[in-house]
PDB file of N, CA and C in Angstrom:
ATOM      1  N   MET A   1     -10.032  21.133   3.445  1.00  0.00           N
ATOM      2  CA  MET A   1      -8.674  21.024   3.899  1.00  0.00           C
ATOM      3  C   MET A   1      -8.007  19.981   2.983  1.00  0.00           C
ATOM      4  N   ALA A   2      -6.859  20.245   2.403  1.00  0.00           N
ATOM      5  CA  ALA A   2      -6.171  19.287   1.499  1.00  0.00           C
ATOM      6  C   ALA A   2      -5.426  18.288   2.399  1.00  0.00           C
ATOM      7  N   SER A   3      -5.394  17.088   1.822  1.00  0.00           N
ATOM      8  CA  SER A   3      -4.539  15.985   2.535  1.00  0.00           C
ATOM      9  C   SER A   3      -3.263  15.810   1.875  1.00  0.00           C
ATOM     10  N   ASP A   4      -2.272  15.390   2.661  1.00  0.00           N
ATOM     11  CA  ASP A   4      -0.834  15.088   2.110  1.00  0.00           C
ATOM     12  C   ASP A   4      -0.812  13.640   1.662  1.00  0.00           C
ATOM     13  N   THR A   5      -1.884  12.846   1.924  1.00  0.00           N
ATOM     14  CA  THR A   5      -1.946  11.449   1.616  1.00  0.00           C
ATOM     15  C   THR A   5      -2.057  11.360   0.038  1.00  0.00           C
ATOM     16  N   PRO A   6      -1.185  10.482  -0.599  1.00  0.00           N
ATOM     17  CA  PRO A   6      -1.287  10.356  -2.095  1.00  0.00           C
ATOM     18  C   PRO A   6      -2.515   9.580  -2.420  1.00  0.00           C
ATOM     19  N   VAL A   7      -3.066   9.993  -3.582  1.00  0.00           N
ATOM     20  CA  VAL A   7      -4.279   9.310  -4.117  1.00  0.00           C
ATOM     21  C   VAL A   7      -3.843   7.892  -4.478  1.00  0.00           C
ATOM     22  N   SER A   8      -4.534   6.953  -4.041  1.00  0.00           N
ATOM     23  CA  SER A   8      -4.185   5.542  -4.262  1.00  0.00           C
ATOM     24  C   SER A   8      -5.355   4.609  -4.520  1.00  0.00           C
ATOM     25  N   ALA A   9      -5.138   3.460  -5.105  1.00  0.00           N
ATOM     26  CA  ALA A   9      -6.175   2.520  -5.369  1.00  0.00           C
ATOM     27  C   ALA A   9      -6.413   1.610  -4.158  1.00  0.00           C
ATOM     28  N   GLU A  10      -5.604   1.796  -3.140  1.00  0.00           N
ATOM     29  CA  GLU A  10      -5.791   0.880  -1.950  1.00  0.00           C
ATOM     30  C   GLU A  10      -7.129   1.122  -1.342  1.00  0.00           C
ATOM     31  N   THR A  11      -7.732   0.019  -0.893  1.00  0.00           N
ATOM     32  CA  THR A  11      -8.959   0.119  -0.195  1.00  0.00           C
ATOM     33  C   THR A  11      -8.849  -0.578   1.146  1.00  0.00           C
ATOM     34  N   THR A  12      -9.761  -0.296   1.969  1.00  0.00           N
ATOM     35  CA  THR A  12      -9.798  -0.917   3.360  1.00  0.00           C
ATOM     36  C   THR A  12     -10.661  -2.218   3.334  1.00  0.00           C
ATOM     37  N   GLU A  13     -11.490  -2.356   2.411  1.00  0.00           N
ATOM     38  CA  GLU A  13     -12.268  -3.530   2.217  1.00  0.00           C
ATOM     39  C   GLU A  13     -11.682  -4.497   1.138  1.00  0.00           C
ATOM     40  N   PRO A  14     -11.435  -5.820   1.441  1.00  0.00           N
ATOM     41  CA  PRO A  14     -10.860  -6.668   0.613  1.00  0.00           C
ATOM     42  C   PRO A  14     -11.481  -6.808  -0.735  1.00  0.00           C
ATOM     43  N   ASN A  15     -12.764  -6.791  -0.835  1.00  0.00           N
ATOM     44  CA  ASN A  15     -13.527  -7.004  -2.071  1.00  0.00           C
ATOM     45  C   ASN A  15     -14.040  -5.745  -2.685  1.00  0.00           C
ATOM     46  N   ALA A  16     -13.564  -4.626  -2.087  1.00  0.00           N
ATOM     47  CA  ALA A  16     -14.081  -3.255  -2.717  1.00  0.00           C
ATOM     48  C   ALA A  16     -13.295  -2.952  -3.964  1.00  0.00           C
ATOM     49  N   ALA A  17     -14.094  -2.428  -4.863  1.00  0.00           N
ATOM     50  CA  ALA A  17     -13.438  -1.998  -6.187  1.00  0.00           C
ATOM     51  C   ALA A  17     -12.547  -0.874  -5.908  1.00  0.00           C
ATOM     52  N   MET A  18     -11.352  -0.772  -6.742  1.00  0.00           N
ATOM     53  CA  MET A  18     -10.511   0.319  -6.522  1.00  0.00           C
ATOM     54  C   MET A  18     -10.614   1.383  -7.619  1.00  0.00           C
ATOM     55  N   ARG A  19     -10.151   2.507  -7.398  1.00  0.00           N
ATOM     56  CA  ARG A  19      -9.974   3.578  -8.356  1.00  0.00           C
ATOM     57  C   ARG A  19      -8.683   3.158  -9.237  1.00  0.00           C
ATOM     58  N   ILE A  20      -8.830   3.082 -10.488  1.00  0.00           N
ATOM     59  CA  ILE A  20      -7.817   2.638 -11.462  1.00  0.00           C
ATOM     60  C   ILE A  20      -7.302   3.862 -12.255  1.00  0.00           C
ATOM     61  N   PHE A  21      -5.992   4.097 -12.295  1.00  0.00           N
ATOM     62  CA  PHE A  21      -5.543   5.199 -13.086  1.00  0.00           C
ATOM     63  C   PHE A  21      -4.967   4.715 -14.440  1.00  0.00           C
ATOM     64  N   ILE A  22      -5.106   5.487 -15.561  1.00  0.00           N
ATOM     65  CA  ILE A  22      -4.762   5.121 -16.816  1.00  0.00           C
ATOM     66  C   ILE A  22      -3.582   5.886 -17.267  1.00  0.00           C
ATOM     67  N   PHE A  23      -2.528   5.273 -17.822  1.00  0.00           N
ATOM     68  CA  PHE A  23      -1.218   6.040 -18.233  1.00  0.00           C
ATOM     69  C   PHE A  23      -0.970   5.592 -19.587  1.00  0.00           C
ATOM     70  N   ARG A  24      -0.227   6.438 -20.253  1.00  0.00           N
ATOM     71  CA  ARG A  24       0.341   6.167 -21.638  1.00  0.00           C
ATOM     72  C   ARG A  24       1.827   6.348 -21.559  1.00  0.00           C
ATOM     73  N   SER A  25       2.593   5.487 -22.207  1.00  0.00           N
ATOM     74  CA  SER A  25       4.069   5.638 -22.249  1.00  0.00           C
ATOM     75  C   SER A  25       4.400   6.576 -23.352  1.00  0.00           C
ATOM     76  N   GLU A  26       5.261   7.564 -23.043  1.00  0.00           N
ATOM     77  CA  GLU A  26       5.740   8.488 -24.031  1.00  0.00           C
ATOM     78  C   GLU A  26       6.872   7.828 -24.771  1.00  0.00           C
ATOM     79  N   ALA A  27       7.580   6.926 -24.195  1.00  0.00           N
ATOM     80  CA  ALA A  27       8.695   6.297 -24.805  1.00  0.00           C
ATOM     81  C   ALA A  27       8.367   5.208 -25.788  1.00  0.00           C
ATOM     82  N   ASN A  28       7.218   4.585 -25.596  1.00  0.00           N
ATOM     83  CA  ASN A  28       6.825   3.525 -26.361  1.00  0.00           C
ATOM     84  C   ASN A  28       5.427   3.755 -26.829  1.00  0.00           C
ATOM     85  N   PRO A  29       5.207   4.390 -28.074  1.00  0.00           N
ATOM     86  CA  PRO A  29       3.897   4.762 -28.518  1.00  0.00           C
ATOM     87  C   PRO A  29       2.959   3.467 -28.659  1.00  0.00           C
ATOM     88  N   GLY A  30       1.742   3.711 -28.209  1.00  0.00           N
ATOM     89  CA  GLY A  30       0.900   2.532 -28.321  1.00  0.00           C
ATOM     90  C   GLY A  30       0.739   1.748 -26.968  1.00  0.00           C
ATOM     91  N   LEU A  31       1.686   1.961 -26.121  1.00  0.00           N
ATOM     92  CA  LEU A  31       1.719   1.175 -24.833  1.00  0.00           C
ATOM     93  C   LEU A  31       0.990   1.937 -23.818  1.00  0.00           C
ATOM     94  N   SER A  32       0.085   1.409 -23.135  1.00  0.00           N
ATOM     95  CA  SER A  32      -0.611   1.937 -22.025  1.00  0.00           C
ATOM     96  C   SER A  32      -0.604   1.083 -20.817  1.00  0.00           C
ATOM     97  N   ALA A  33      -1.048   1.596 -19.741  1.00  0.00           N
ATOM     98  CA  ALA A  33      -1.015   0.798 -18.450  1.00  0.00           C
ATOM     99  C   ALA A  33      -2.140   1.305 -17.497  1.00  0.00           C
ATOM    100  N   PHE A  34      -2.574   0.351 -16.779  1.00  0.00           N
ATOM    101  CA  PHE A  34      -3.417   0.725 -15.602  1.00  0.00           C
ATOM    102  C   PHE A  34      -2.545   0.732 -14.376  1.00  0.00           C
ATOM    103  N   GLY A  35      -2.701   1.577 -13.354  1.00  0.00           N
ATOM    104  CA  GLY A  35      -2.009   1.599 -12.178  1.00  0.00           C
ATOM    105  C   GLY A  35      -2.844   1.875 -11.003  1.00  0.00           C
ATOM    106  N   GLY A  36      -2.367   1.719  -9.827  1.00  0.00           N
ATOM    107  CA  GLY A  36      -3.063   1.920  -8.637  1.00  0.00           C
ATOM    108  C   GLY A  36      -2.831   3.261  -7.928  1.00  0.00           C
ATOM    109  N   ASP A  37      -1.959   4.122  -8.505  1.00  0.00           N
ATOM    110  CA  ASP A  37      -1.778   5.344  -7.829  1.00  0.00           C
ATOM    111  C   ASP A  37      -1.506   6.457  -8.990  1.00  0.00           C
ATOM    112  N   LEU A  38      -1.924   7.637  -8.639  1.00  0.00           N
ATOM    113  CA  LEU A  38      -1.922   8.734  -9.647  1.00  0.00           C
ATOM    114  C   LEU A  38      -0.521   9.059 -10.136  1.00  0.00           C
ATOM    115  N   ALA A  39       0.500   8.823  -9.225  1.00  0.00           N
ATOM    116  CA  ALA A  39       1.868   9.127  -9.647  1.00  0.00           C
ATOM    117  C   ALA A  39       2.388   8.007 -10.530  1.00  0.00           C
ATOM    118  N   GLY A  40       1.789   6.914 -10.582  1.00  0.00           N
ATOM    119  CA  GLY A  40       2.342   5.801 -11.400  1.00  0.00           C
ATOM    120  C   GLY A  40       3.736   5.282 -10.858  1.00  0.00           C
ATOM    121  N   LEU A  41       3.828   5.189  -9.575  1.00  0.00           N
ATOM    122  CA  LEU A  41       5.105   4.915  -8.942  1.00  0.00           C
ATOM    123  C   LEU A  41       5.600   3.447  -9.250  1.00  0.00           C
ATOM    124  N   ARG A  42       4.677   2.557  -9.420  1.00  0.00           N
ATOM    125  CA  ARG A  42       5.026   1.197  -9.745  1.00  0.00           C
ATOM    126  C   ARG A  42       5.035   0.747 -11.170  1.00  0.00           C
ATOM    127  N   LEU A  43       4.876   1.768 -12.096  1.00  0.00           N
ATOM    128  CA  LEU A  43       4.933   1.337 -13.519  1.00  0.00           C
ATOM    129  C   LEU A  43       6.284   0.992 -13.987  1.00  0.00           C
ATOM    130  N   PRO A  44       6.472   0.157 -14.988  1.00  0.00           N
ATOM    131  CA  PRO A  44       7.764  -0.261 -15.392  1.00  0.00           C
ATOM    132  C   PRO A  44       8.688   0.889 -15.882  1.00  0.00           C
ATOM    133  N   PRO A  45       9.818   1.111 -15.333  1.00  0.00           N
ATOM    134  CA  PRO A  45      10.697   2.265 -15.569  1.00  0.00           C
ATOM    135  C   PRO A  45      11.209   2.291 -16.993  1.00  0.00           C
ATOM    136  N   GLN A  46      11.379   1.075 -17.641  1.00  0.00           N
ATOM    137  CA  GLN A  46      11.859   1.070 -19.016  1.00  0.00           C
ATOM    138  C   GLN A  46      11.051   1.675 -19.995  1.00  0.00           C
ATOM    139  N   PHE A  47       9.739   1.998 -19.716  1.00  0.00           N
ATOM    140  CA  PHE A  47       8.921   2.680 -20.614  1.00  0.00           C
ATOM    141  C   PHE A  47       8.534   4.196 -20.199  1.00  0.00           C
ATOM    142  N   LYS A  48       9.295   4.700 -19.231  1.00  0.00           N
ATOM    143  CA  LYS A  48       9.223   6.136 -18.840  1.00  0.00           C
ATOM    144  C   LYS A  48       9.497   7.022 -19.987  1.00  0.00           C
ATOM    145  N   PRO A  49       8.961   8.188 -20.076  1.00  0.00           N
ATOM    146  CA  PRO A  49       8.015   8.693 -18.991  1.00  0.00           C
ATOM    147  C   PRO A  49       6.596   8.207 -19.264  1.00  0.00           C
ATOM    148  N   TRP A  50       5.855   8.175 -18.155  1.00  0.00           N
ATOM    149  CA  TRP A  50       4.440   7.840 -18.209  1.00  0.00           C
ATOM    150  C   TRP A  50       3.580   9.063 -18.029  1.00  0.00           C
ATOM    151  N   ARG A  51       2.609   9.137 -18.716  1.00  0.00           N
ATOM    152  CA  ARG A  51       1.649  10.337 -18.597  1.00  0.00           C
ATOM    153  C   ARG A  51       0.264   9.860 -18.170  1.00  0.00           C
ATOM    154  N   ALA A  52      -0.235  10.312 -17.080  1.00  0.00           N
ATOM    155  CA  ALA A  52      -1.586  10.038 -16.632  1.00  0.00           C
ATOM    156  C   ALA A  52      -2.552  10.559 -17.577  1.00  0.00           C
ATOM    157  N   VAL A  53      -3.524   9.747 -18.036  1.00  0.00           N
ATOM    158  CA  VAL A  53      -4.429  10.230 -19.072  1.00  0.00           C
ATOM    159  C   VAL A  53      -5.923   9.967 -18.643  1.00  0.00           C
ATOM    160  N   GLY A  54      -6.140   9.411 -17.486  1.00  0.00           N
ATOM    161  CA  GLY A  54      -7.518   9.166 -17.027  1.00  0.00           C
ATOM    162  C   GLY A  54      -7.554   8.384 -15.777  1.00  0.00           C
ATOM    163  N   ALA A  55      -8.887   8.151 -15.341  1.00  0.00           N
ATOM    164  CA  ALA A  55      -9.040   7.337 -14.142  1.00  0.00           C
ATOM    165  C   ALA A  55     -10.321   6.625 -14.327  1.00  0.00           C
ATOM    166  N   VAL A  56     -10.520   5.475 -13.649  1.00  0.00           N
ATOM    167  CA  VAL A  56     -11.826   4.734 -13.662  1.00  0.00           C
ATOM    168  C   VAL A  56     -12.263   4.687 -12.191  1.00  0.00           C
ATOM    169  N   ALA A  57     -13.405   5.261 -11.997  1.00  0.00           N
ATOM    170  CA  ALA A  57     -13.995   5.326 -10.663  1.00  0.00           C
ATOM    171  C   ALA A  57     -14.363   3.923 -10.164  1.00  0.00           C
ATOM    172  N   PRO A  58     -14.394   3.603  -8.921  1.00  0.00           N
ATOM    173  CA  PRO A  58     -14.658   2.287  -8.458  1.00  0.00           C
ATOM    174  C   PRO A  58     -15.930   1.712  -8.914  1.00  0.00           C
ATOM    175  N   ASP A  59     -16.948   2.569  -9.199  1.00  0.00           N
ATOM    176  CA  ASP A  59     -18.270   2.051  -9.613  1.00  0.00           C
ATOM    177  C   ASP A  59     -18.378   2.130 -11.181  1.00  0.00           C
ATOM    178  N   LYS A  60     -17.387   2.267 -11.951  1.00  0.00           N
ATOM    179  CA  LYS A  60     -17.426   2.296 -13.294  1.00  0.00           C
ATOM    180  C   LYS A  60     -16.588   1.166 -13.930  1.00  0.00           C
ATOM    181  N   GLU A  61     -16.998   0.784 -15.188  1.00  0.00           N
ATOM    182  CA  GLU A  61     -16.251  -0.240 -15.885  1.00  0.00           C
ATOM    183  C   GLU A  61     -15.042   0.396 -16.644  1.00  0.00           C
ATOM    184  N   PRO A  62     -13.934  -0.417 -16.671  1.00  0.00           N
ATOM    185  CA  PRO A  62     -12.767   0.022 -17.463  1.00  0.00           C
ATOM    186  C   PRO A  62     -13.033   0.214 -18.899  1.00  0.00           C
ATOM    187  N   PRO A  63     -12.324   1.038 -19.630  1.00  0.00           N
ATOM    188  CA  PRO A  63     -12.574   1.156 -21.062  1.00  0.00           C
ATOM    189  C   PRO A  63     -12.146  -0.047 -21.869  1.00  0.00           C
ATOM    190  N   TYR A  64     -12.528  -0.086 -23.073  1.00  0.00           N
ATOM    191  CA  TYR A  64     -12.085  -1.079 -24.061  1.00  0.00           C
ATOM    192  C   TYR A  64     -12.518  -2.546 -23.751  1.00  0.00           C
ATOM    193  N   LYS A  65     -13.598  -2.615 -22.929  1.00  0.00           N
ATOM    194  CA  LYS A  65     -14.222  -3.962 -22.502  1.00  0.00           C
ATOM    195  C   LYS A  65     -13.137  -4.799 -21.848  1.00  0.00           C
ATOM    196  N   LEU A  66     -12.278  -4.197 -21.121  1.00  0.00           N
ATOM    197  CA  LEU A  66     -11.290  -5.006 -20.351  1.00  0.00           C
ATOM    198  C   LEU A  66     -11.844  -5.293 -19.025  1.00  0.00           C
ATOM    199  N   SER A  67     -11.446  -6.446 -18.400  1.00  0.00           N
ATOM    200  CA  SER A  67     -12.004  -6.951 -17.229  1.00  0.00           C
ATOM    201  C   SER A  67     -11.404  -6.240 -15.980  1.00  0.00           C
ATOM    202  N   ARG A  68     -12.364  -5.562 -15.234  1.00  0.00           N
ATOM    203  CA  ARG A  68     -11.893  -4.934 -14.014  1.00  0.00           C
ATOM    204  C   ARG A  68     -11.227  -5.882 -13.058  1.00  0.00           C
ATOM    205  N   GLU A  69     -11.739  -7.086 -12.925  1.00  0.00           N
ATOM    206  CA  GLU A  69     -11.276  -8.120 -12.028  1.00  0.00           C
ATOM    207  C   GLU A  69      -9.723  -8.482 -12.359  1.00  0.00           C
ATOM    208  N   VAL A  70      -9.487  -8.613 -13.662  1.00  0.00           N
ATOM    209  CA  VAL A  70      -8.098  -8.964 -14.144  1.00  0.00           C
ATOM    210  C   VAL A  70      -7.150  -7.726 -13.825  1.00  0.00           C
ATOM    211  N   ILE A  71      -7.644  -6.566 -14.181  1.00  0.00           N
ATOM    212  CA  ILE A  71      -6.778  -5.397 -13.976  1.00  0.00           C
ATOM    213  C   ILE A  71      -6.493  -5.202 -12.443  1.00  0.00           C
ATOM    214  N   GLU A  72      -7.523  -5.322 -11.570  1.00  0.00           N
ATOM    215  CA  GLU A  72      -7.265  -5.127 -10.146  1.00  0.00           C
ATOM    216  C   GLU A  72      -6.379  -6.214  -9.618  1.00  0.00           C
ATOM    217  N   ALA A  73      -6.448  -7.457 -10.055  1.00  0.00           N
ATOM    218  CA  ALA A  73      -5.586  -8.459  -9.603  1.00  0.00           C
ATOM    219  C   ALA A  73      -4.146  -8.186  -9.979  1.00  0.00           C
ATOM    220  N   ALA A  74      -3.886  -7.710 -11.212  1.00  0.00           N
ATOM    221  CA  ALA A  74      -2.613  -7.361 -11.670  1.00  0.00           C
ATOM    222  C   ALA A  74      -2.001  -6.232 -10.881  1.00  0.00           C
ATOM    223  N   ILE A  75      -2.829  -5.208 -10.547  1.00  0.00           N
ATOM    224  CA  ILE A  75      -2.290  -4.049  -9.760  1.00  0.00           C
ATOM    225  C   ILE A  75      -1.970  -4.565  -8.344  1.00  0.00           C
ATOM    226  N   ARG A  76      -2.880  -5.347  -7.803  1.00  0.00           N
ATOM    227  CA  ARG A  76      -2.487  -5.888  -6.438  1.00  0.00           C
ATOM    228  C   ARG A  76      -1.201  -6.679  -6.377  1.00  0.00           C
ATOM    229  N   LYS A  77      -0.938  -7.538  -7.438  1.00  0.00           N
ATOM    230  CA  LYS A  77       0.178  -8.346  -7.525  1.00  0.00           C
ATOM    231  C   LYS A  77       1.408  -7.671  -7.856  1.00  0.00           C
ATOM    232  N   GLN A  78       1.420  -6.844  -8.998  1.00  0.00           N
ATOM    233  CA  GLN A  78       2.700  -6.278  -9.437  1.00  0.00           C
ATOM    234  C   GLN A  78       2.645  -4.732  -9.545  1.00  0.00           C
ATOM    235  N   GLY A  79       1.388  -4.098  -9.281  1.00  0.00           N
ATOM    236  CA  GLY A  79       1.423  -2.616  -9.249  1.00  0.00           C
ATOM    237  C   GLY A  79       0.905  -1.998 -10.507  1.00  0.00           C
ATOM    238  N   PHE A  80       0.735  -2.855 -11.571  1.00  0.00           N
ATOM    239  CA  PHE A  80       0.291  -2.303 -12.826  1.00  0.00           C
ATOM    240  C   PHE A  80      -0.268  -3.408 -13.728  1.00  0.00           C
ATOM    241  N   GLN A  81      -0.878  -3.002 -14.846  1.00  0.00           N
ATOM    242  CA  GLN A  81      -1.323  -3.890 -15.883  1.00  0.00           C
ATOM    243  C   GLN A  81      -1.084  -3.252 -17.266  1.00  0.00           C
ATOM    244  N   LEU A  82      -0.199  -3.688 -18.078  1.00  0.00           N
ATOM    245  CA  LEU A  82       0.092  -3.096 -19.325  1.00  0.00           C
ATOM    246  C   LEU A  82      -0.970  -3.559 -20.363  1.00  0.00           C
ATOM    247  N   PHE A  83      -1.164  -2.652 -21.395  1.00  0.00           N
ATOM    248  CA  PHE A  83      -2.090  -3.081 -22.400  1.00  0.00           C
ATOM    249  C   PHE A  83      -1.794  -2.248 -23.684  1.00  0.00           C
ATOM    250  N   ARG A  84      -2.113  -2.864 -24.821  1.00  0.00           N
ATOM    251  CA  ARG A  84      -1.968  -2.160 -26.137  1.00  0.00           C
ATOM    252  C   ARG A  84      -3.341  -2.326 -26.696  1.00  0.00           C
ATOM    253  N   LEU A  85      -3.768  -1.304 -27.496  1.00  0.00           N
ATOM    254  CA  LEU A  85      -4.908  -1.424 -28.297  1.00  0.00           C
ATOM    255  C   LEU A  85      -4.677  -1.953 -29.639  1.00  0.00           C
ATOM    256  N   GLY A  86      -5.531  -2.798 -30.172  1.00  0.00           N
ATOM    257  CA  GLY A  86      -5.332  -3.327 -31.534  1.00  0.00           C
ATOM    258  C   GLY A  86      -5.558  -2.240 -32.536  1.00  0.00           C
ATOM    259  N   LYS A  87      -4.975  -2.565 -33.755  1.00  0.00           N
ATOM    260  CA  LYS A  87      -5.180  -1.626 -34.824  1.00  0.00           C
ATOM    261  C   LYS A  87      -6.625  -1.780 -35.372  1.00  0.00           C
ATOM    262  N   LYS A  88      -7.267  -0.614 -35.677  1.00  0.00           N
ATOM    263  CA  LYS A  88      -8.602  -0.725 -36.176  1.00  0.00           C
ATOM    264  C   LYS A  88      -8.474  -1.193 -37.643  1.00  0.00           C
ATOM    265  N   GLY A  89      -9.413  -2.193 -37.919  1.00  0.00           N
ATOM    266  CA  GLY A  89      -9.352  -2.772 -39.271  1.00  0.00           C
ATOM    267  C   GLY A  89     -10.364  -2.330 -40.111  1.00  0.00           C
TER     268      GLY A  89
END
């Protein structure tokens, strides 16, 4: 049975790891973000449209050697964490 509840990073346990969604800005190439919900409702509107490109399960490490703790703290505080990947040298 399908649920009408949106997929979200919210957890019932304060120290439980969350599902993190990965987005890319179509308006600003190279800009990406982590968010707490699949719809990206709290992502900065000035960089819309955002395209969901992946997710990180609660038991997995985020890509690019980024800190899960820092990402989750930013999502809890402001709803997202922006990031850019450096140019390969």
